[in-house]
Amino acid sequence: MTARTASSATPRVSVLMAVYNAAPYVRASLESILTQSLGELEVVVVDDGSTDGSGAVVERMAAQDARVRVLRQENRGLPAALNAGLALARAPLVARMDADDLALPLRLERQAAYLDAHPEVAVLGGFVRTFGQARGNVWRYPVGPAAVAAAMPFVNPIAHPAVMFRRAVVEAQGGYDEANAYGEDYALWAALSARHALDNLPEVVLRYRVHGGQMGAVRADDVRRQWYMRTQAAVLGRLGLHPEGEALALHHRISTAHWATAEVPAGSGFRDAAEAWLLGLAAADAATGVFEARAFARRLGWHWRMVCRAQAGEGLAVWRQYRRSALAREAARAEGTPDALGGTGADDLALLAACALHFGQQRRRALYGALRRALRWRQALSRGGK
């Protein structure tokens, strides 16, 4: 294991980058940090046993810029590599950076300024824009500490490669869980959210490269899901709920219905179960006061709408159940802008349109089927009369 020493001046921000076989990308990624508008920084690069020459690339860059510090070690996995780099970081603020992404030029300046102005916030993320195999998509995250906290039982509300955090807070938490190689960031944010505020800048701070060789793409989905559900269960425990087995699986399906639509079962039975579960969460929060009431009502309403959107192909019955639910009504009250449909505006209208479109298709298919049956019946009569 080797490490390059640093200069004596304490930087304002330490950028923490773990590298594993990223030789085609790591130079551009480092350059996007070294050319930031905030120059008072160091980059702690942990080469986690790369075999493709990544280590040589970062060593050359360290020789050219004293702000780059390199630690080379045997492969131990991402959480362990991040903890090793965190132990070397000297700045009070630490920004994460993946070896294949590109930071926007003002990223560090904007995030550091926000954290300076909001000492109560311990972790700050931001929006990311994809490039590479998936171009131009903007991934938006909840904005405002109450909204981030309300999302925590359902999803990871902070983009790991776009995050900046207070080093002392993360060190006091014990850093990353090295046993959790499939959701180390979500687990850390969830643990921190019990005692600290987390937030996101409402702007793109990072270009996120999508390619088949990145670490997230090669992780085992089933194992990742189990770690993800473990973190969800831990957050739900703060509400006095301890779901296991089918109950936890139901919660996970509800949480991912906005993108994993193929995993949403068909039929009103799932909608009934999802509605009952979300209403149970509302009751648990009303009893415990863990989350800010309006933010949690909006979050519950959003997930209820995503469940119904995933089943929009079942027609207007889905819309009627959605509209009748207390989840939609409470979300509308929390938004403060209910429309004539008793919903929260354009998103509800989009759901109605989706349900109506499929309803129209169903009606057309039904009419076409009836006409075909009538034609066959007439043909049968004609043959019988001959």
Protein backbone atom coordinates (compact mmCIF):
# COMPACT_ATOMS: atom_id res chain seq x y z
CA MET A 1 0.00 0.00 0.00
CA THR A 2 1.46 3.36 -1.01
CA ALA A 3 0.32 6.93 -0.45
CA ARG A 4 1.68 10.26 -1.67
CA THR A 5 2.17 12.94 0.97
CA ALA A 6 0.33 16.27 0.88
CA SER A 7 1.28 19.92 1.24
CA SER A 8 0.94 21.56 4.66
CA ALA A 9 -1.93 23.94 3.79
CA THR A 10 -5.36 22.70 4.86
CA PRO A 11 -7.72 22.62 1.85
CA ARG A 12 -11.29 23.83 1.99
CA VAL A 13 -12.65 20.68 0.29
CA SER A 14 -11.29 17.14 0.02
CA VAL A 15 -12.54 15.28 -3.05
CA LEU A 16 -12.73 11.54 -2.43
CA MET A 17 -12.41 9.27 -5.47
CA ALA A 18 -12.18 5.48 -5.48
CA VAL A 19 -10.80 4.01 -8.72
CA TYR A 20 -11.11 0.46 -9.97
CA ASN A 21 -10.28 -0.24 -13.63
CA ALA A 22 -11.34 3.16 -14.94
CA ALA A 23 -8.33 3.92 -17.13
CA PRO A 24 -10.36 5.22 -20.10
CA TYR A 25 -12.19 7.78 -17.95
CA VAL A 26 -10.23 8.72 -14.83
CA ARG A 27 -8.06 11.44 -16.40
CA ALA A 28 -11.08 13.42 -17.66
CA SER A 29 -12.81 12.94 -14.32
CA LEU A 30 -9.83 14.29 -12.39
CA GLU A 31 -9.42 17.21 -14.78
CA SER A 32 -13.06 18.20 -14.15
CA ILE A 33 -12.15 18.53 -10.46
CA LEU A 34 -8.76 20.20 -10.85
CA THR A 35 -10.31 22.92 -13.05
CA GLN A 36 -13.11 23.77 -10.57
CA SER A 37 -13.83 27.40 -9.77
CA LEU A 38 -13.02 26.53 -6.14
CA GLY A 39 -9.30 25.89 -6.16
CA GLU A 40 -8.67 25.31 -2.45
CA LEU A 41 -9.00 21.55 -2.69
CA GLU A 42 -7.22 18.26 -2.55
CA VAL A 43 -8.14 15.07 -4.39
CA VAL A 44 -7.65 11.84 -2.47
CA VAL A 45 -7.57 9.04 -5.04
CA VAL A 46 -7.73 5.44 -3.83
CA ASP A 47 -6.66 2.98 -6.50
CA ASP A 48 -8.47 -0.13 -5.28
CA GLY A 49 -6.31 -2.76 -6.95
CA SER A 50 -6.87 -1.74 -10.57
CA THR A 51 -5.41 -4.04 -13.21
CA ASP A 52 -5.91 -1.85 -16.29
CA GLY A 53 -3.32 0.87 -15.70
CA SER A 54 -5.60 3.26 -13.79
CA GLY A 55 -2.99 3.59 -11.06
CA ALA A 56 -0.35 4.76 -13.50
CA VAL A 57 -2.73 7.38 -14.91
CA VAL A 58 -3.45 8.91 -11.51
CA GLU A 59 0.20 8.75 -10.47
CA ARG A 60 1.16 10.79 -13.54
CA MET A 61 -1.51 13.36 -12.73
CA ALA A 62 -0.31 13.53 -9.11
CA ALA A 63 3.19 14.26 -10.36
CA GLN A 64 1.79 17.20 -12.33
CA ASP A 65 -0.49 18.64 -9.62
CA ALA A 66 0.39 18.52 -5.92
CA ARG A 67 -3.30 18.69 -4.99
CA VAL A 68 -3.71 15.06 -6.09
CA ARG A 69 -2.87 12.48 -3.42
CA VAL A 70 -2.79 8.79 -4.33
CA LEU A 71 -3.31 5.73 -2.17
CA ARG A 72 -2.77 2.36 -3.84
CA GLN A 73 -4.03 -0.80 -2.18
CA GLU A 74 -5.19 -4.32 -2.91
CA ASN A 75 -8.80 -4.62 -4.05
CA ARG A 76 -11.08 -4.35 -1.01
CA GLY A 77 -14.30 -3.03 -2.52
CA LEU A 78 -15.85 0.42 -2.73
CA PRO A 79 -16.88 1.03 0.92
CA ALA A 80 -13.46 0.01 2.23
CA ALA A 81 -11.72 2.13 -0.40
CA LEU A 82 -13.84 5.14 0.55
CA ASN A 83 -13.07 4.67 4.25
CA ALA A 84 -9.35 4.45 3.48
CA GLY A 85 -9.55 7.70 1.52
CA LEU A 86 -11.68 9.36 4.18
CA ALA A 87 -8.98 8.62 6.75
CA LEU A 88 -6.54 10.65 4.62
CA ALA A 89 -8.88 13.58 3.93
CA ARG A 90 -7.90 16.81 5.68
CA ALA A 91 -10.64 19.29 4.75
CA PRO A 92 -13.79 19.79 6.86
CA LEU A 93 -15.90 19.20 3.75
CA VAL A 94 -15.61 16.05 1.64
CA ALA A 95 -17.03 15.73 -1.88
CA ARG A 96 -17.48 12.35 -3.51
CA MET A 97 -16.53 11.82 -7.12
CA ASP A 98 -16.62 8.68 -9.24
CA ALA A 99 -13.75 7.97 -11.58
CA ASP A 100 -15.92 7.94 -14.69
CA ASP A 101 -18.07 11.05 -14.12
CA LEU A 102 -17.53 14.75 -14.85
CA ALA A 103 -18.13 17.53 -12.32
CA LEU A 104 -19.61 20.77 -13.59
CA PRO A 105 -17.16 23.69 -13.16
CA LEU A 106 -19.05 25.41 -10.32
CA ARG A 107 -20.03 22.27 -8.44
CA LEU A 108 -17.69 22.50 -5.45
CA GLU A 109 -18.07 26.26 -5.08
CA ARG A 110 -21.87 26.04 -5.09
CA GLN A 111 -22.05 23.14 -2.65
CA ALA A 112 -19.48 24.57 -0.24
CA ALA A 113 -21.26 27.94 -0.22
CA TYR A 114 -24.57 26.26 0.61
CA LEU A 115 -23.06 24.25 3.48
CA ASP A 116 -21.37 27.40 4.82
CA ALA A 117 -24.76 29.15 4.82
CA HIS A 118 -26.63 26.16 6.32
CA PRO A 119 -24.62 24.76 9.22
CA GLU A 120 -27.54 22.50 10.20
CA VAL A 121 -27.19 20.50 6.95
CA ALA A 122 -24.66 17.67 7.14
CA VAL A 123 -25.02 16.13 3.66
CA LEU A 124 -25.72 17.91 0.37
CA GLY A 125 -26.37 16.35 -3.01
CA GLY A 126 -27.60 17.74 -6.30
CA PHE A 127 -29.15 16.82 -9.63
CA VAL A 128 -27.17 14.85 -12.23
CA ARG A 129 -27.37 14.68 -16.02
CA THR A 130 -26.56 11.38 -17.74
CA PHE A 131 -24.29 10.91 -20.73
CA GLY A 132 -22.71 7.99 -22.50
CA GLN A 133 -25.11 5.13 -23.18
CA ALA A 134 -28.02 7.15 -21.75
CA ARG A 135 -27.75 10.76 -22.83
CA GLY A 136 -29.38 13.90 -21.55
CA ASN A 137 -31.60 12.53 -18.78
CA VAL A 138 -31.71 14.73 -15.68
CA TRP A 139 -32.09 12.82 -12.43
CA ARG A 140 -33.81 15.12 -9.95
CA TYR A 141 -33.83 14.50 -6.22
CA PRO A 142 -35.96 15.86 -3.37
CA VAL A 143 -35.16 19.44 -2.41
CA GLY A 144 -35.41 20.70 1.16
CA PRO A 145 -34.48 18.79 4.33
CA ALA A 146 -38.09 17.83 5.09
CA ALA A 147 -38.60 16.42 1.58
CA VAL A 148 -35.31 14.49 1.69
CA ALA A 149 -36.19 12.99 5.08
CA ALA A 150 -39.70 12.04 3.91
CA ALA A 151 -38.23 10.19 0.91
CA MET A 152 -35.78 8.19 3.04
CA PRO A 153 -38.14 5.25 3.88
CA PHE A 154 -38.71 4.66 0.17
CA VAL A 155 -35.70 5.61 -1.96
CA ASN A 156 -32.11 6.79 -1.80
CA PRO A 157 -32.67 10.57 -2.00
CA ILE A 158 -29.02 11.62 -2.46
CA ALA A 159 -26.88 10.88 -5.54
CA HIS A 160 -23.67 9.44 -4.13
CA PRO A 161 -21.23 10.73 -6.79
CA ALA A 162 -22.73 14.23 -6.46
CA VAL A 163 -22.57 14.49 -2.67
CA MET A 164 -20.64 16.78 -0.34
CA PHE A 165 -20.69 16.14 3.40
CA ARG A 166 -19.17 17.30 6.66
CA ARG A 167 -16.26 15.00 7.39
CA ALA A 168 -16.68 15.13 11.18
CA VAL A 169 -20.31 13.98 10.96
CA VAL A 170 -19.54 10.98 8.74
CA GLU A 171 -16.52 10.02 10.82
CA ALA A 172 -18.64 10.16 13.99
CA GLN A 173 -21.07 7.76 12.30
CA GLY A 174 -18.20 5.35 11.64
CA GLY A 175 -17.92 5.97 7.90
CA TYR A 176 -19.25 3.54 5.32
CA ASP A 177 -20.40 0.04 6.27
CA GLU A 178 -17.75 -2.11 4.60
CA ALA A 179 -20.00 -5.19 4.69
CA ASN A 180 -22.57 -3.37 2.55
CA ALA A 181 -21.06 -3.25 -0.92
CA TYR A 182 -24.46 -2.87 -2.62
CA GLY A 183 -26.00 0.18 -0.94
CA GLU A 184 -23.35 1.72 1.29
CA ASP A 185 -24.45 5.26 0.48
CA TYR A 186 -28.17 4.79 1.14
CA ALA A 187 -27.42 3.08 4.44
CA LEU A 188 -25.14 5.94 5.50
CA TRP A 189 -27.64 8.67 4.57
CA ALA A 190 -30.41 6.79 6.38
CA ALA A 191 -28.35 6.53 9.55
CA LEU A 192 -27.32 10.19 9.42
CA SER A 193 -30.88 11.37 8.74
CA ALA A 194 -31.97 10.25 12.21
CA ARG A 195 -29.91 13.10 13.73
CA HIS A 196 -28.98 15.51 10.93
CA ALA A 197 -30.55 17.43 8.07
CA LEU A 198 -29.77 16.40 4.48
CA ASP A 199 -30.55 18.38 1.34
CA ASN A 200 -30.02 18.66 -2.41
CA LEU A 201 -29.14 21.64 -4.58
CA PRO A 202 -31.95 22.09 -7.14
CA GLU A 203 -29.51 22.16 -10.03
CA VAL A 204 -27.31 19.83 -12.06
CA VAL A 205 -23.86 19.56 -10.49
CA LEU A 206 -22.53 16.42 -12.20
CA ARG A 207 -22.52 14.61 -15.52
CA TYR A 208 -23.07 10.93 -14.75
CA ARG A 209 -21.61 8.51 -17.25
CA VAL A 210 -23.72 5.44 -18.07
CA HIS A 211 -21.79 2.45 -19.40
CA GLY A 212 -21.84 -1.31 -18.99
CA GLY A 213 -18.59 -1.57 -17.06
CA GLN A 214 -19.39 0.79 -14.20
CA MET A 215 -19.52 -0.61 -10.69
CA GLY A 216 -23.27 -0.23 -10.25
CA ALA A 217 -23.96 -2.06 -13.50
CA VAL A 218 -22.10 -5.20 -12.49
CA ARG A 219 -23.52 -5.62 -8.99
CA ALA A 220 -25.93 -8.46 -8.34
CA ASP A 221 -29.49 -7.10 -8.48
CA ASP A 222 -30.92 -9.61 -6.01
CA VAL A 223 -28.24 -8.94 -3.42
CA ARG A 224 -28.54 -5.19 -3.94
CA ARG A 225 -32.31 -5.42 -3.43
CA GLN A 226 -31.84 -7.19 -0.12
CA TRP A 227 -29.45 -4.51 1.16
CA TYR A 228 -31.79 -1.81 -0.09
CA MET A 229 -34.73 -3.38 1.73
CA ARG A 230 -32.65 -3.70 4.88
CA THR A 231 -32.11 0.06 4.87
CA GLN A 232 -35.80 0.70 4.17
CA ALA A 233 -36.72 -1.50 7.15
CA ALA A 234 -34.28 0.39 9.37
CA VAL A 235 -35.90 3.73 8.52
CA LEU A 236 -39.41 2.30 8.95
CA GLY A 237 -38.31 1.16 12.40
CA ARG A 238 -38.22 4.81 13.42
CA LEU A 239 -41.99 4.84 12.83
CA GLY A 240 -42.40 1.85 15.13
CA LEU A 241 -42.87 -0.49 12.17
CA HIS A 242 -40.82 -3.63 11.63
CA PRO A 243 -41.92 -5.19 8.32
CA GLU A 244 -40.49 -8.50 7.18
CA GLY A 245 -41.15 -10.96 4.39
CA GLU A 246 -44.17 -10.09 2.26
CA ALA A 247 -44.82 -6.80 4.05
CA LEU A 248 -41.31 -5.55 3.33
CA ALA A 249 -41.50 -6.84 -0.25
CA LEU A 250 -44.77 -4.91 -0.69
CA HIS A 251 -43.12 -1.76 0.59
CA HIS A 252 -40.23 -2.22 -1.83
CA ARG A 253 -42.59 -2.72 -4.80
CA ILE A 254 -44.46 0.45 -3.86
CA SER A 255 -41.19 2.34 -3.50
CA THR A 256 -39.93 1.33 -6.95
CA ALA A 257 -43.23 1.42 -8.87
CA HIS A 258 -42.18 4.63 -10.65
CA TRP A 259 -39.43 2.82 -12.57
CA ALA A 260 -39.79 -0.95 -12.00
CA THR A 261 -43.28 -1.09 -13.50
CA ALA A 262 -42.77 -4.67 -14.66
CA GLU A 263 -42.61 -5.75 -11.01
CA VAL A 264 -45.98 -4.17 -10.15
CA PRO A 265 -48.61 -6.95 -10.08
CA ALA A 266 -51.76 -6.42 -12.11
CA GLY A 267 -55.19 -6.15 -10.58
CA SER A 268 -56.97 -4.19 -7.89
CA GLY A 269 -55.65 -6.51 -5.18
CA PHE A 270 -52.22 -4.91 -5.33
CA ARG A 271 -53.71 -1.41 -5.37
CA ASP A 272 -55.79 -2.23 -2.31
CA ALA A 273 -52.75 -3.58 -0.48
CA ALA A 274 -50.59 -0.61 -1.51
CA GLU A 275 -53.23 1.90 -0.42
CA ALA A 276 -53.68 0.17 2.95
CA TRP A 277 -49.91 0.06 3.52
CA LEU A 278 -49.41 3.74 2.69
CA LEU A 279 -52.34 4.72 4.92
CA GLY A 280 -50.69 2.69 7.66
CA LEU A 281 -47.49 4.68 7.21
CA ALA A 282 -49.48 7.91 7.47
CA ALA A 283 -51.03 6.73 10.73
CA ALA A 284 -47.65 5.67 12.11
CA ASP A 285 -46.13 9.06 11.34
CA ALA A 286 -49.12 10.85 12.86
CA ALA A 287 -48.49 8.87 16.05
CA THR A 288 -44.71 9.34 16.16
CA GLY A 289 -44.10 12.67 14.41
CA VAL A 290 -40.89 11.39 12.84
CA PHE A 291 -41.37 13.24 9.55
CA GLU A 292 -42.69 16.71 8.81
CA ALA A 293 -46.42 16.17 8.20
CA ARG A 294 -46.86 18.05 4.93
CA ALA A 295 -43.70 16.64 3.37
CA PHE A 296 -44.67 13.08 4.31
CA ALA A 297 -48.22 13.52 3.01
CA ARG A 298 -46.82 14.71 -0.32
CA ARG A 299 -44.43 11.76 -0.43
CA LEU A 300 -47.14 9.21 0.34
CA GLY A 301 -49.41 10.77 -2.28
CA TRP A 302 -46.63 10.64 -4.86
CA HIS A 303 -46.01 6.93 -4.30
CA TRP A 304 -49.76 6.25 -4.42
CA ARG A 305 -49.92 8.04 -7.77
CA MET A 306 -46.93 6.04 -9.06
CA VAL A 307 -48.64 2.76 -8.11
CA CYS A 308 -51.76 3.84 -9.98
CA ARG A 309 -49.76 5.08 -12.95
CA ALA A 310 -48.07 1.67 -13.20
CA GLN A 311 -51.58 0.15 -13.47
CA ALA A 312 -53.08 2.81 -15.74
CA GLY A 313 -53.57 0.15 -18.40
CA GLU A 314 -56.46 -1.19 -16.33
CA GLY A 315 -58.52 1.86 -17.21
CA LEU A 316 -60.65 4.38 -15.37
CA ALA A 317 -61.25 2.10 -12.39
CA VAL A 318 -57.68 2.92 -11.40
CA TRP A 319 -58.38 6.64 -11.58
CA ARG A 320 -61.55 6.35 -9.55
CA GLN A 321 -59.75 4.45 -6.78
CA TYR A 322 -56.88 6.92 -6.84
CA ARG A 323 -59.19 9.92 -6.57
CA ARG A 324 -61.28 8.44 -3.75
CA SER A 325 -58.25 7.68 -1.59
CA ALA A 326 -57.39 9.81 1.44
CA LEU A 327 -53.79 9.64 0.21
CA ALA A 328 -54.63 11.82 -2.81
CA ARG A 329 -56.72 14.22 -0.74
CA GLU A 330 -54.06 14.69 1.93
CA ALA A 331 -51.37 15.19 -0.70
CA ALA A 332 -53.54 17.87 -2.32
CA ARG A 333 -53.97 19.64 1.01
CA ALA A 334 -50.23 19.47 1.64
CA GLU A 335 -49.56 20.99 -1.76
CA GLY A 336 -52.12 23.71 -1.06
CA THR A 337 -53.22 23.82 -4.72
CA PRO A 338 -56.01 21.25 -5.16
CA ASP A 339 -57.71 21.41 -8.53
CA ALA A 340 -61.29 20.66 -9.49
CA LEU A 341 -60.46 16.98 -9.66
CA GLY A 342 -59.41 16.88 -6.02
CA GLY A 343 -55.83 16.17 -7.02
CA THR A 344 -52.57 18.08 -7.00
CA GLY A 345 -52.65 19.47 -10.53
CA ALA A 346 -50.89 18.48 -13.71
CA ASP A 347 -49.57 15.13 -12.43
CA ASP A 348 -53.08 14.00 -11.55
CA LEU A 349 -54.37 15.15 -14.91
CA ALA A 350 -51.62 13.11 -16.56
CA LEU A 351 -52.74 10.06 -14.59
CA LEU A 352 -56.36 10.64 -15.61
CA ALA A 353 -55.31 10.96 -19.25
CA ALA A 354 -53.30 7.72 -19.08
CA CYS A 355 -56.20 5.83 -17.52
CA ALA A 356 -58.68 7.32 -20.01
CA LEU A 357 -56.42 6.51 -22.96
CA HIS A 358 -56.21 2.88 -21.95
CA PHE A 359 -59.92 2.89 -21.21
CA GLY A 360 -60.53 4.13 -24.75
CA GLN A 361 -58.30 1.42 -26.14
CA GLN A 362 -60.16 -1.16 -24.09
CA ARG A 363 -63.47 0.16 -25.38
CA ARG A 364 -62.25 0.01 -28.98
CA ARG A 365 -60.94 -3.51 -28.48
CA ALA A 366 -64.21 -4.54 -26.89
CA LEU A 367 -66.21 -3.02 -29.75
CA TYR A 368 -63.98 -4.68 -32.33
CA GLY A 369 -64.38 -8.00 -30.55
CA ALA A 370 -68.16 -7.59 -30.41
CA LEU A 371 -68.27 -6.81 -34.14
CA ARG A 372 -66.18 -9.87 -34.95
CA ARG A 373 -68.42 -12.07 -32.82
CA ALA A 374 -71.51 -10.59 -34.52
CA LEU A 375 -69.97 -11.21 -37.95
CA ARG A 376 -69.13 -14.82 -37.07
CA TRP A 377 -72.66 -15.31 -35.72
CA ARG A 378 -74.16 -13.88 -38.94
CA GLN A 379 -71.92 -16.08 -41.05
CA ALA A 380 -72.98 -19.08 -39.02
CA LEU A 381 -76.63 -18.22 -39.57
CA SER A 382 -76.04 -17.82 -43.30
CA ARG A 383 -74.37 -21.20 -43.51
CA GLY A 384 -77.17 -22.77 -41.49
CA GLY A 385 -79.84 -21.35 -43.82
CA LYS A 386 -78.35 -22.91 -46.94
